Amino acid sequence: MYKYLMEKWIPWALAAASGVLLVVSYPPFGAGYVAWIALVPLMIALHDKQGIDSFYIALACGIIYFTGVMPWIYTVLTTYGHIWPPLAVILTFILILYLAVYTGLYGLILPAFGKTAEMLFLSPFIIVLLEYARGHFLTGLPWALIAHTQSYYPSVIQMALFTGTAGVTFLIVLVNSSIAYAFIRTRSGGFQPRSLAPAAVAITLAIINTVWGQANIRHVKNLDGKEINASIIQGNIDQDMKWDNKYRDTVIATYFTLSKSEAKKKPDLLVWPEASIPFFYGYDAMRTNFLNKLSESIDTPILFGGLGVEHSEDTGKNYYTNRAYLLNNGKVVGHYDKMHLVPFGEYVPLRKLLFFVNKITKALSSDTTPGDTASPLTINSIPLGSQICYEIIFAEPTRMFVRNGARLITNITNDAWFGKSGASAQHMASLPFRAVENRIAIIRSANTGISGFVSATGEISNTTELFKVATANETLKVPDKSGTFYTRFGDVFTLACALLLATAYIRVRRRN
């Protein structure tokens, strides 16, 4: 009886262990090195399992994984969405369950290739493709990818200039697979040195990648390029204050005061967060004039976020966009409208079908209109791409800007929605990959933090604290030769993984 219970529950315990280890790999814990062994218990648990049992075991791991990484979803729904807490719990669990299904699919797909321990080496291919699917299906949510655990280890992620995040995920999972393989082979057949050979090879590859990454960082730092000195303005405006008429002028005064002080450092650019101005620029004449005069008086370009309004003569309606304005010497010299909108935050997908959404949340009563161009702006002859909020977690929009000539990216965002959680740091974790993938520098200004700078080598610096009024100044090098293999060809590594996995499956089916 004891043996039966142990055999029955050990796989679930191992899956739970992997879920916990994955959680501590991400902020706020940030123990990224744990990711290199986090999947080992799950892989051991799945050995000799098949079908629906394997799916459920992996699903359990995924539920723990995403519950631990994304508890802030509940805060967003209750504190800022004003949703009834019991309903918010249900909605949070639905999202977590959806994300966990991708982990469950790993448990379902892996046994389809066979029960031998060698099949574990297909895990990197499977997980890379599942993360790609998660980043694209239903508008995509490439949040907390396995590669993101390495964001603060720049020498590890340099391979992203060829492979994107997929290559880093592949390498981490490969190391996990080789360790799990050694354990399974040793447990079933006794210790044999050859059982350790795959682990030795995988760990050696990880070391070689890190050494090469350090060399590439030195190479990029030695490239010719221009320098730009930028200052970040973090106003730390409470979410409920932003559009409250009682606080509107207080909000404006906060940004004006901080900007005048920071302008004394003579930066080339001041960057304010997403939706930092609580009025419609160009329509509120008095406040628009104040902002223009500020720009003239400090003689420094200001990039700021606000709502844009476009009137259609055809429909007679106003259309609203989430916009980044570039203001120089009192005049708007360019703007960018956010292209990748947040579902249920900036628009309601399938609005006619989901007619009940507005009754349970204070979602926008009218959808925000997405932008359609990724045209760079220009600062001191440096082409600048501006991305708003979470669209920078997607690789393609950044790549599009760089292909259109951008050599520098700003990411303006409002992470106040997340509360005091690890979400803002998790958001920041995407930026080093965008920098390395395209060899560009990034300036991030967040309303409540975390704000900071990312060099073209993926190194994060000069970050601010959460929920603090703050400014930060940094001189960034902008390499002349931005753009990489990944910029030109995109996710060819992921495509190669798909082709190799399909080939392996065909061979297995023919053999059987």
Protein backbone atom coordinates (compact mmCIF):
# COMPACT_ATOMS: atom_id res chain seq x y z
CA MET A 1 0.00 0.00 0.00
CA TYR A 2 2.77 2.41 0.93
CA LYS A 3 4.62 1.62 -2.29
CA TYR A 4 1.43 2.19 -4.31
CA LEU A 5 0.79 5.55 -2.66
CA MET A 6 4.39 6.64 -3.21
CA GLU A 7 4.27 5.68 -6.88
CA LYS A 8 0.94 7.45 -7.27
CA TRP A 9 1.82 10.73 -5.59
CA ILE A 10 5.54 11.14 -6.24
CA PRO A 11 5.00 12.36 -9.86
CA TRP A 12 2.61 15.05 -8.59
CA ALA A 13 5.06 16.10 -5.91
CA LEU A 14 7.83 16.32 -8.47
CA ALA A 15 5.64 18.40 -10.79
CA ALA A 16 4.83 20.72 -7.88
CA ALA A 17 8.56 21.04 -7.11
CA SER A 18 9.23 22.15 -10.68
CA GLY A 19 6.42 24.70 -10.42
CA VAL A 20 7.94 26.18 -7.26
CA LEU A 21 11.46 26.22 -8.72
CA LEU A 22 10.19 28.06 -11.80
CA VAL A 23 8.46 30.65 -9.61
CA VAL A 24 11.65 31.49 -7.70
CA SER A 25 13.50 31.87 -11.02
CA TYR A 26 11.51 35.04 -11.83
CA PRO A 27 11.12 38.38 -10.04
CA PRO A 28 10.38 39.24 -7.32
CA PHE A 29 12.62 36.34 -6.23
CA GLY A 30 14.90 36.64 -9.25
CA ALA A 31 16.99 33.49 -8.73
CA GLY A 32 17.51 32.99 -12.46
CA TYR A 33 20.19 30.36 -11.98
CA VAL A 34 17.53 28.01 -10.55
CA ALA A 35 15.94 27.77 -14.01
CA TRP A 36 18.80 25.52 -15.15
CA ILE A 37 17.47 22.72 -12.92
CA ALA A 38 13.84 23.80 -12.42
CA LEU A 39 12.36 21.41 -14.99
CA VAL A 40 14.30 18.34 -13.88
CA PRO A 41 11.67 17.12 -11.36
CA LEU A 42 8.88 17.50 -13.93
CA MET A 43 10.84 15.58 -16.55
CA ILE A 44 11.51 12.76 -14.08
CA ALA A 45 7.80 12.72 -13.17
CA LEU A 46 6.79 12.38 -16.83
CA HIS A 47 9.11 9.45 -17.50
CA ASP A 48 7.05 6.34 -18.33
CA LYS A 49 3.83 8.36 -18.18
CA GLN A 50 1.56 8.82 -21.17
CA GLY A 51 -1.75 10.21 -22.35
CA ILE A 52 -4.02 12.20 -20.09
CA ASP A 53 -2.07 11.38 -16.90
CA SER A 54 1.04 13.00 -18.35
CA PHE A 55 -1.01 16.04 -19.37
CA TYR A 56 -2.51 16.50 -15.91
CA ILE A 57 0.84 16.15 -14.14
CA ALA A 58 2.40 18.82 -16.37
CA LEU A 59 -0.74 20.96 -16.04
CA ALA A 60 -0.38 20.90 -12.25
CA CYS A 61 3.18 22.18 -12.64
CA GLY A 62 1.93 24.96 -14.92
CA ILE A 63 -0.80 26.03 -12.49
CA ILE A 64 1.73 26.44 -9.67
CA TYR A 65 4.17 28.12 -12.07
CA PHE A 66 1.80 30.82 -13.31
CA THR A 67 -0.04 31.27 -10.01
CA GLY A 68 3.29 32.08 -8.36
CA VAL A 69 4.57 34.32 -11.16
CA MET A 70 1.36 36.23 -11.97
CA PRO A 71 -0.69 36.75 -8.79
CA TRP A 72 -0.81 40.44 -9.70
CA ILE A 73 -3.60 39.67 -12.18
CA TYR A 74 -5.98 39.64 -9.21
CA THR A 75 -4.73 43.09 -8.14
CA VAL A 76 -5.34 44.48 -11.62
CA LEU A 77 -8.90 43.13 -11.67
CA THR A 78 -9.94 44.19 -8.18
CA THR A 79 -8.02 47.38 -7.38
CA TYR A 80 -8.15 48.96 -10.82
CA GLY A 81 -10.79 46.98 -12.69
CA HIS A 82 -13.14 47.30 -9.68
CA ILE A 83 -14.37 43.74 -10.18
CA TRP A 84 -16.11 41.90 -7.36
CA PRO A 85 -13.31 39.92 -5.60
CA PRO A 86 -14.92 36.44 -5.89
CA LEU A 87 -15.42 37.02 -9.61
CA ALA A 88 -11.85 38.33 -9.90
CA VAL A 89 -10.58 35.08 -8.35
CA ILE A 90 -12.46 33.10 -11.00
CA LEU A 91 -11.20 35.27 -13.87
CA THR A 92 -7.62 35.12 -12.55
CA PHE A 93 -7.80 31.33 -12.36
CA ILE A 94 -9.18 31.12 -15.90
CA LEU A 95 -6.19 33.06 -17.24
CA ILE A 96 -3.73 31.03 -15.17
CA LEU A 97 -5.37 27.79 -16.32
CA TYR A 98 -5.11 28.93 -19.93
CA LEU A 99 -1.39 29.62 -19.56
CA ALA A 100 -0.88 26.34 -17.67
CA VAL A 101 -2.40 24.42 -20.58
CA TYR A 102 0.77 25.10 -22.56
CA THR A 103 2.79 23.38 -19.85
CA GLY A 104 0.25 20.58 -19.87
CA LEU A 105 0.65 20.20 -23.62
CA TYR A 106 4.34 19.53 -23.07
CA GLY A 107 3.32 16.57 -20.91
CA LEU A 108 0.93 15.41 -23.62
CA ILE A 109 3.29 15.79 -26.59
CA LEU A 110 6.48 14.35 -25.11
CA PRO A 111 5.18 10.76 -24.63
CA ALA A 112 4.00 10.72 -28.24
CA PHE A 113 7.65 10.24 -29.23
CA GLY A 114 8.15 7.19 -26.99
CA LYS A 115 8.84 6.21 -23.39
CA THR A 116 12.61 5.99 -23.48
CA ALA A 117 14.76 8.41 -21.51
CA GLU A 118 16.32 9.58 -24.79
CA MET A 119 13.02 11.22 -25.73
CA LEU A 120 13.74 13.87 -23.10
CA PHE A 121 16.13 15.48 -25.56
CA LEU A 122 13.15 16.51 -27.66
CA SER A 123 11.97 18.69 -24.76
CA PRO A 124 13.84 21.83 -25.89
CA PHE A 125 12.16 21.64 -29.31
CA ILE A 126 8.70 21.11 -27.82
CA ILE A 127 8.95 23.89 -25.22
CA VAL A 128 10.36 26.39 -27.73
CA LEU A 129 7.37 25.78 -30.01
CA LEU A 130 4.87 25.93 -27.15
CA GLU A 131 6.28 29.27 -25.99
CA TYR A 132 6.09 30.55 -29.57
CA ALA A 133 2.44 29.47 -29.74
CA ARG A 134 1.70 31.18 -26.41
CA GLY A 135 3.24 34.37 -27.77
CA HIS A 136 1.01 34.43 -30.83
CA PHE A 137 -2.28 32.63 -30.21
CA LEU A 138 -5.27 34.86 -29.23
CA THR A 139 -3.13 38.02 -29.68
CA GLY A 140 -0.35 36.35 -27.66
CA LEU A 141 1.09 36.66 -24.16
CA PRO A 142 4.86 36.01 -24.21
CA TRP A 143 5.15 36.88 -20.51
CA ALA A 144 7.49 34.96 -18.18
CA LEU A 145 9.15 32.94 -20.92
CA ILE A 146 11.80 30.57 -19.62
CA ALA A 147 14.49 32.68 -21.31
CA HIS A 148 13.40 35.72 -19.28
CA THR A 149 14.89 34.16 -16.14
CA GLN A 150 18.30 35.09 -17.58
CA SER A 151 17.62 38.77 -18.21
CA TYR A 152 20.11 39.89 -15.57
CA TYR A 153 22.86 37.63 -16.97
CA PRO A 154 23.78 39.52 -20.17
CA SER A 155 26.60 37.14 -21.16
CA VAL A 156 24.08 34.26 -21.28
CA ILE A 157 21.58 35.96 -23.60
CA GLN A 158 23.92 37.23 -26.35
CA MET A 159 22.92 34.29 -28.55
CA ALA A 160 19.54 36.05 -28.94
CA LEU A 161 21.08 38.14 -31.74
CA PHE A 162 20.79 34.96 -33.82
CA THR A 163 17.94 33.02 -32.20
CA GLY A 164 15.80 35.45 -30.24
CA THR A 165 14.51 34.32 -26.86
CA ALA A 166 13.95 30.83 -28.31
CA GLY A 167 17.65 29.99 -28.32
CA VAL A 168 18.09 30.84 -24.64
CA THR A 169 14.99 28.82 -23.72
CA PHE A 170 16.33 25.91 -25.82
CA LEU A 171 19.68 25.90 -24.02
CA ILE A 172 18.12 26.05 -20.54
CA VAL A 173 15.73 23.19 -21.31
CA LEU A 174 18.56 21.17 -22.89
CA VAL A 175 20.56 21.35 -19.67
CA ASN A 176 17.48 20.33 -17.67
CA SER A 177 16.85 17.42 -20.05
CA SER A 178 20.40 16.12 -19.80
CA ILE A 179 20.36 16.19 -15.99
CA ALA A 180 16.98 14.43 -15.88
CA TYR A 181 18.27 11.85 -18.36
CA ALA A 182 21.30 11.09 -16.18
CA PHE A 183 19.09 10.66 -13.13
CA ILE A 184 16.63 8.34 -14.89
CA ARG A 185 19.34 6.18 -16.46
CA THR A 186 21.20 5.90 -13.16
CA ARG A 187 18.04 5.04 -11.25
CA SER A 188 16.98 2.32 -13.72
CA GLY A 189 20.32 0.76 -14.62
CA GLY A 190 22.80 1.78 -11.96
CA PHE A 191 25.53 4.36 -12.34
CA GLN A 192 27.19 4.40 -15.74
CA PRO A 193 29.61 7.16 -16.79
CA ARG A 194 28.00 7.36 -20.22
CA SER A 195 24.74 8.42 -18.56
CA LEU A 196 26.50 11.65 -17.55
CA ALA A 197 27.87 12.34 -21.02
CA PRO A 198 24.83 14.31 -22.30
CA ALA A 199 24.85 16.45 -19.15
CA ALA A 200 28.56 17.12 -19.60
CA VAL A 201 27.99 18.14 -23.21
CA ALA A 202 24.99 20.38 -22.41
CA ILE A 203 26.73 22.12 -19.50
CA THR A 204 29.84 22.61 -21.65
CA LEU A 205 27.67 24.23 -24.33
CA ALA A 206 26.19 26.55 -21.70
CA ILE A 207 29.68 27.53 -20.53
CA ILE A 208 30.89 28.10 -24.11
CA ASN A 209 27.82 30.25 -24.76
CA THR A 210 28.57 32.36 -21.68
CA VAL A 211 32.25 32.83 -22.57
CA TRP A 212 31.33 33.75 -26.14
CA GLY A 213 28.67 36.10 -24.75
CA GLN A 214 31.26 37.98 -22.72
CA ALA A 215 33.40 38.35 -25.83
CA ASN A 216 30.42 39.62 -27.82
CA ILE A 217 29.63 42.20 -25.14
CA ARG A 218 33.18 43.57 -25.46
CA HIS A 219 32.80 43.58 -29.26
CA VAL A 220 29.55 45.55 -29.19
CA LYS A 221 30.97 48.07 -26.71
CA ASN A 222 33.87 48.70 -29.10
CA LEU A 223 31.65 49.35 -32.11
CA ASP A 224 31.49 52.87 -33.50
CA GLY A 225 28.40 54.79 -32.52
CA LYS A 226 26.84 57.99 -31.31
CA GLU A 227 26.01 58.85 -27.74
CA ILE A 228 22.76 60.20 -26.39
CA ASN A 229 22.20 61.57 -22.92
CA ALA A 230 18.65 60.97 -21.71
CA SER A 231 16.70 61.62 -18.54
CA ILE A 232 13.72 59.64 -17.27
CA ILE A 233 10.90 61.33 -15.38
CA GLN A 234 8.99 58.97 -13.06
CA GLY A 235 6.02 60.90 -11.66
CA ASN A 236 4.61 58.09 -9.49
CA ILE A 237 1.02 59.18 -10.10
CA ASP A 238 -1.61 57.00 -8.47
CA GLN A 239 -3.87 55.33 -11.01
CA ASP A 240 -7.03 56.85 -9.53
CA MET A 241 -5.54 60.36 -9.68
CA LYS A 242 -4.58 60.40 -13.35
CA TRP A 243 -7.90 61.59 -14.81
CA ASP A 244 -9.47 63.02 -11.67
CA ASN A 245 -10.19 66.72 -12.29
CA LYS A 246 -9.22 67.52 -8.69
CA TYR A 247 -5.65 66.33 -9.25
CA ARG A 248 -5.13 67.19 -12.91
CA ASP A 249 -3.03 70.31 -12.32
CA THR A 250 -1.12 68.58 -9.50
CA VAL A 251 -0.12 65.83 -11.91
CA ILE A 252 1.01 68.37 -14.50
CA ALA A 253 2.96 70.33 -11.90
CA THR A 254 4.78 67.16 -10.82
CA TYR A 255 6.10 66.51 -14.32
CA PHE A 256 6.89 70.18 -14.95
CA THR A 257 8.88 70.52 -11.71
CA LEU A 258 10.85 67.31 -12.24
CA SER A 259 11.55 68.18 -15.88
CA LYS A 260 12.85 71.67 -15.09
CA SER A 261 15.18 70.22 -12.49
CA GLU A 262 16.42 67.45 -14.76
CA ALA A 263 16.87 69.85 -17.71
CA LYS A 264 19.73 71.49 -15.81
CA LYS A 265 21.81 68.42 -16.72
CA LYS A 266 21.38 69.36 -20.40
CA PRO A 267 20.08 65.99 -21.60
CA ASP A 268 19.36 65.36 -25.27
CA LEU A 269 15.94 63.95 -24.40
CA LEU A 270 13.45 63.87 -21.53
CA VAL A 271 11.22 60.79 -21.42
CA TRP A 272 7.90 60.85 -19.59
CA PRO A 273 5.77 57.70 -19.06
CA GLU A 274 2.75 56.40 -20.92
CA ALA A 275 -0.39 58.55 -20.51
CA SER A 276 1.56 61.01 -18.40
CA ILE A 277 -0.51 64.05 -19.40
CA PRO A 278 -4.06 64.01 -17.97
CA PHE A 279 -5.56 66.04 -20.82
CA PHE A 280 -6.03 65.85 -24.57
CA TYR A 281 -2.99 67.50 -26.11
CA GLY A 282 -4.06 69.97 -28.77
CA TYR A 283 -7.67 70.14 -27.51
CA ASP A 284 -7.15 71.52 -24.01
CA ALA A 285 -5.73 74.86 -25.20
CA MET A 286 -4.55 76.19 -21.83
CA ARG A 287 -2.67 73.08 -20.71
CA THR A 288 -1.33 72.43 -24.21
CA ASN A 289 0.11 75.94 -24.21
CA PHE A 290 1.72 75.36 -20.77
CA LEU A 291 3.40 72.20 -22.04
CA ASN A 292 4.63 73.91 -25.20
CA LYS A 293 6.11 76.76 -23.16
CA LEU A 294 7.86 74.25 -20.89
CA SER A 295 9.47 72.68 -23.95
CA GLU A 296 10.64 76.08 -25.16
CA SER A 297 11.96 77.20 -21.79
CA ILE A 298 14.06 74.11 -21.03
CA ASP A 299 15.22 73.77 -24.67
CA THR A 300 15.07 69.97 -24.44
CA PRO A 301 12.92 67.59 -26.51
CA ILE A 302 10.25 65.79 -24.47
CA LEU A 303 8.80 62.42 -25.35
CA PHE A 304 5.53 61.98 -23.47
CA GLY A 305 2.51 59.73 -23.51
CA GLY A 306 -1.09 60.83 -23.86
CA LEU A 307 -4.36 60.05 -25.56
CA GLY A 308 -4.51 61.04 -29.21
CA VAL A 309 -7.76 62.08 -30.89
CA GLU A 310 -8.49 61.69 -34.58
CA HIS A 311 -11.76 62.88 -36.11
CA SER A 312 -13.20 60.99 -39.07
CA GLU A 313 -15.12 63.09 -41.58
CA ASP A 314 -16.62 59.91 -43.01
CA THR A 315 -18.23 58.68 -39.78
CA GLY A 316 -18.35 61.94 -37.87
CA LYS A 317 -16.82 60.16 -34.86
CA ASN A 318 -13.69 60.74 -32.79
CA TYR A 319 -11.19 57.87 -32.56
CA TYR A 320 -8.79 57.61 -29.65
CA THR A 321 -5.25 56.26 -29.70
CA ASN A 322 -2.61 55.54 -27.08
CA ARG A 323 0.01 57.94 -28.34
CA ALA A 324 3.64 58.92 -27.79
CA TYR A 325 4.32 62.57 -28.72
CA LEU A 326 7.73 64.06 -29.43
CA LEU A 327 7.72 67.72 -28.51
CA ASN A 328 10.66 69.95 -29.46
CA ASN A 329 10.89 73.70 -28.97
CA GLY A 330 7.16 73.99 -28.37
CA LYS A 331 6.08 72.00 -31.41
CA VAL A 332 5.12 68.36 -31.95
CA VAL A 333 7.63 67.01 -34.45
CA GLY A 334 6.23 63.50 -34.59
CA HIS A 335 4.11 60.90 -32.84
CA TYR A 336 3.57 57.16 -32.66
CA ASP A 337 0.29 55.36 -31.98
CA LYS A 338 0.44 52.07 -30.09
CA MET A 339 -0.12 49.13 -32.44
CA HIS A 340 -0.44 46.11 -30.13
CA LEU A 341 -3.30 46.90 -27.76
CA VAL A 342 -4.11 45.17 -24.46
CA PRO A 343 -7.24 42.99 -24.71
CA PHE A 344 -9.93 44.07 -22.20
CA GLY A 345 -7.73 47.01 -21.21
CA GLU A 346 -7.69 49.07 -24.39
CA TYR A 347 -10.27 47.22 -26.41
CA VAL A 348 -12.79 44.43 -26.00
CA PRO A 349 -12.25 41.62 -28.51
CA LEU A 350 -15.43 40.19 -30.04
CA ARG A 351 -17.40 43.00 -28.42
CA LYS A 352 -20.79 41.85 -29.74
CA LEU A 353 -20.23 38.33 -28.43
CA LEU A 354 -18.76 39.51 -25.13
CA PHE A 355 -21.46 42.11 -24.56
CA PHE A 356 -21.42 41.49 -20.79
CA VAL A 357 -17.82 42.65 -20.26
CA ASN A 358 -18.68 46.29 -19.65
CA LYS A 359 -21.12 45.21 -16.95
CA ILE A 360 -18.43 43.54 -14.83
CA THR A 361 -15.49 45.89 -15.30
CA LYS A 362 -14.71 49.51 -16.01
CA ALA A 363 -13.16 48.63 -19.35
CA LEU A 364 -13.07 51.33 -21.98
CA SER A 365 -16.56 52.11 -23.17
CA SER A 366 -15.16 52.66 -26.66
CA ASP A 367 -12.21 50.79 -28.08
CA THR A 368 -8.83 52.42 -28.48
CA THR A 369 -7.80 52.48 -32.12
CA PRO A 370 -4.48 50.75 -32.91
CA GLY A 371 -1.77 52.50 -34.87
CA ASP A 372 -0.58 51.08 -38.18
CA THR A 373 2.95 52.38 -38.72
CA ALA A 374 6.30 51.85 -37.00
CA SER A 375 7.97 54.96 -38.36
CA PRO A 376 10.95 56.19 -36.29
CA LEU A 377 11.11 59.71 -34.88
CA THR A 378 14.44 61.57 -34.80
CA ILE A 379 16.53 62.92 -31.91
CA ASN A 380 19.92 64.50 -32.69
CA SER A 381 19.96 62.67 -36.04
CA ILE A 382 19.37 59.34 -34.23
CA PRO A 383 16.25 57.47 -35.47
CA LEU A 384 14.10 56.66 -32.45
CA GLY A 385 11.38 54.03 -32.17
CA SER A 386 8.88 54.45 -29.35
CA GLN A 387 6.98 51.47 -27.97
CA ILE A 388 4.18 51.81 -25.47
CA CYS A 389 3.54 49.56 -22.48
CA TYR A 390 3.48 45.80 -22.95
CA GLU A 391 3.95 45.75 -26.72
CA ILE A 392 7.70 45.61 -26.09
CA ILE A 393 7.31 42.06 -24.74
CA PHE A 394 6.61 41.09 -28.36
CA ALA A 395 9.73 40.72 -30.50
CA GLU A 396 8.19 41.62 -33.85
CA PRO A 397 7.22 45.30 -33.25
CA THR A 398 10.75 46.16 -32.08
CA ARG A 399 12.22 44.28 -35.01
CA MET A 400 9.88 46.22 -37.32
CA PHE A 401 11.10 49.56 -35.94
CA VAL A 402 14.75 48.58 -36.40
CA ARG A 403 14.13 47.33 -39.94
CA ASN A 404 12.61 50.77 -40.59
CA GLY A 405 15.82 52.43 -39.41
CA ALA A 406 15.45 52.90 -35.63
CA ARG A 407 18.73 52.83 -33.67
CA LEU A 408 17.23 53.57 -30.26
CA ILE A 409 13.98 52.49 -28.59
CA THR A 410 11.99 54.17 -25.84
CA ASN A 411 9.50 52.14 -23.84
CA ILE A 412 7.00 54.36 -22.05
CA THR A 413 4.61 52.51 -19.76
CA ASN A 414 2.25 52.74 -16.83
CA ASP A 415 2.76 49.74 -14.55
CA ALA A 416 0.74 51.20 -11.69
CA TRP A 417 -1.89 48.56 -12.47
CA PHE A 418 0.37 45.85 -11.07
CA GLY A 419 0.65 47.23 -7.56
CA LYS A 420 3.68 46.36 -5.43
CA SER A 421 4.45 43.05 -7.11
CA GLY A 422 7.12 41.49 -9.29
CA ALA A 423 5.17 42.36 -12.44
CA SER A 424 7.10 45.52 -13.35
CA ALA A 425 10.41 43.64 -13.04
CA GLN A 426 8.93 40.81 -15.12
CA HIS A 427 7.93 43.42 -17.69
CA MET A 428 11.45 44.81 -17.65
CA ALA A 429 12.83 41.29 -18.24
CA SER A 430 11.81 41.45 -21.90
CA LEU A 431 13.88 44.55 -22.65
CA PRO A 432 17.39 43.03 -22.59
CA PHE A 433 16.25 40.56 -25.25
CA ARG A 434 14.89 43.31 -27.51
CA ALA A 435 18.23 45.13 -27.07
CA VAL A 436 20.40 42.12 -27.91
CA GLU A 437 18.16 40.82 -30.69
CA ASN A 438 18.51 44.10 -32.58
CA ARG A 439 21.68 45.61 -31.10
CA ILE A 440 19.89 48.73 -29.88
CA ALA A 441 19.76 50.73 -26.66
CA ILE A 442 16.46 51.15 -24.79
CA ILE A 443 15.16 53.87 -22.47
CA ARG A 444 12.25 52.86 -20.25
CA SER A 445 10.10 55.37 -18.40
CA ALA A 446 7.38 53.91 -16.15
CA ASN A 447 4.84 55.95 -14.21
CA THR A 448 5.43 54.12 -10.92
CA GLY A 449 8.60 52.24 -11.94
CA ILE A 450 10.61 50.29 -12.67
CA SER A 451 12.27 52.80 -15.01
CA GLY A 452 15.80 52.41 -16.31
CA PHE A 453 18.19 52.01 -19.22
CA VAL A 454 19.29 49.00 -21.25
CA SER A 455 22.46 49.09 -23.33
CA ALA A 456 22.84 47.47 -26.73
CA THR A 457 24.53 44.57 -24.92
CA GLY A 458 21.41 43.92 -22.84
CA GLU A 459 22.86 45.31 -19.59
CA ILE A 460 20.29 47.01 -17.33
CA SER A 461 21.42 50.09 -15.44
CA ASN A 462 20.30 53.03 -13.32
CA THR A 463 16.91 51.57 -12.41
CA THR A 464 14.43 53.35 -10.15
CA GLU A 465 12.49 52.00 -7.20
CA LEU A 466 8.81 51.10 -7.38
CA PHE A 467 6.27 53.70 -6.31
CA LYS A 468 8.78 56.48 -5.77
CA VAL A 469 8.96 59.89 -7.44
CA ALA A 470 12.27 59.67 -9.25
CA THR A 471 14.45 60.80 -12.10
CA ALA A 472 17.40 59.05 -13.71
CA ASN A 473 20.01 60.17 -16.20
CA GLU A 474 22.29 58.08 -18.39
CA THR A 475 24.47 58.42 -21.45
CA LEU A 476 23.82 55.55 -23.83
CA LYS A 477 25.92 54.47 -26.78
CA VAL A 478 23.93 53.89 -29.94
CA PRO A 479 25.89 51.61 -32.29
CA ASP A 480 25.98 52.69 -35.92
CA LYS A 481 25.52 49.08 -36.97
CA SER A 482 22.22 48.27 -35.34
CA GLY A 483 20.36 45.27 -36.65
CA THR A 484 21.48 41.65 -36.48
CA PHE A 485 20.81 38.24 -37.98
CA TYR A 486 17.63 38.12 -35.91
CA THR A 487 16.56 41.56 -37.14
CA ARG A 488 16.90 40.39 -40.74
CA PHE A 489 15.49 36.89 -40.53
CA GLY A 490 13.36 36.74 -37.40
CA ASP A 491 12.36 33.42 -35.86
CA VAL A 492 14.19 31.06 -38.22
CA PHE A 493 15.59 29.18 -35.22
CA THR A 494 12.05 28.45 -34.06
CA LEU A 495 11.15 27.33 -37.57
CA ALA A 496 14.14 24.99 -37.58
CA CYS A 497 12.96 23.54 -34.25
CA ALA A 498 9.53 22.91 -35.77
CA LEU A 499 11.00 21.16 -38.82
CA LEU A 500 13.32 18.98 -36.74
CA LEU A 501 10.55 18.02 -34.34
CA ALA A 502 8.23 17.15 -37.22
CA THR A 503 10.98 15.00 -38.76
CA ALA A 504 11.51 13.21 -35.44
CA TYR A 505 7.79 12.51 -35.12
CA ILE A 506 7.58 11.09 -38.65
CA ARG A 507 10.50 8.77 -37.94
CA VAL A 508 8.90 7.58 -34.70
CA ARG A 509 5.60 6.87 -36.42
CA ARG A 510 7.29 4.94 -39.21
CA ARG A 511 9.33 2.89 -36.74
CA ASN A 512 6.22 2.01 -34.76
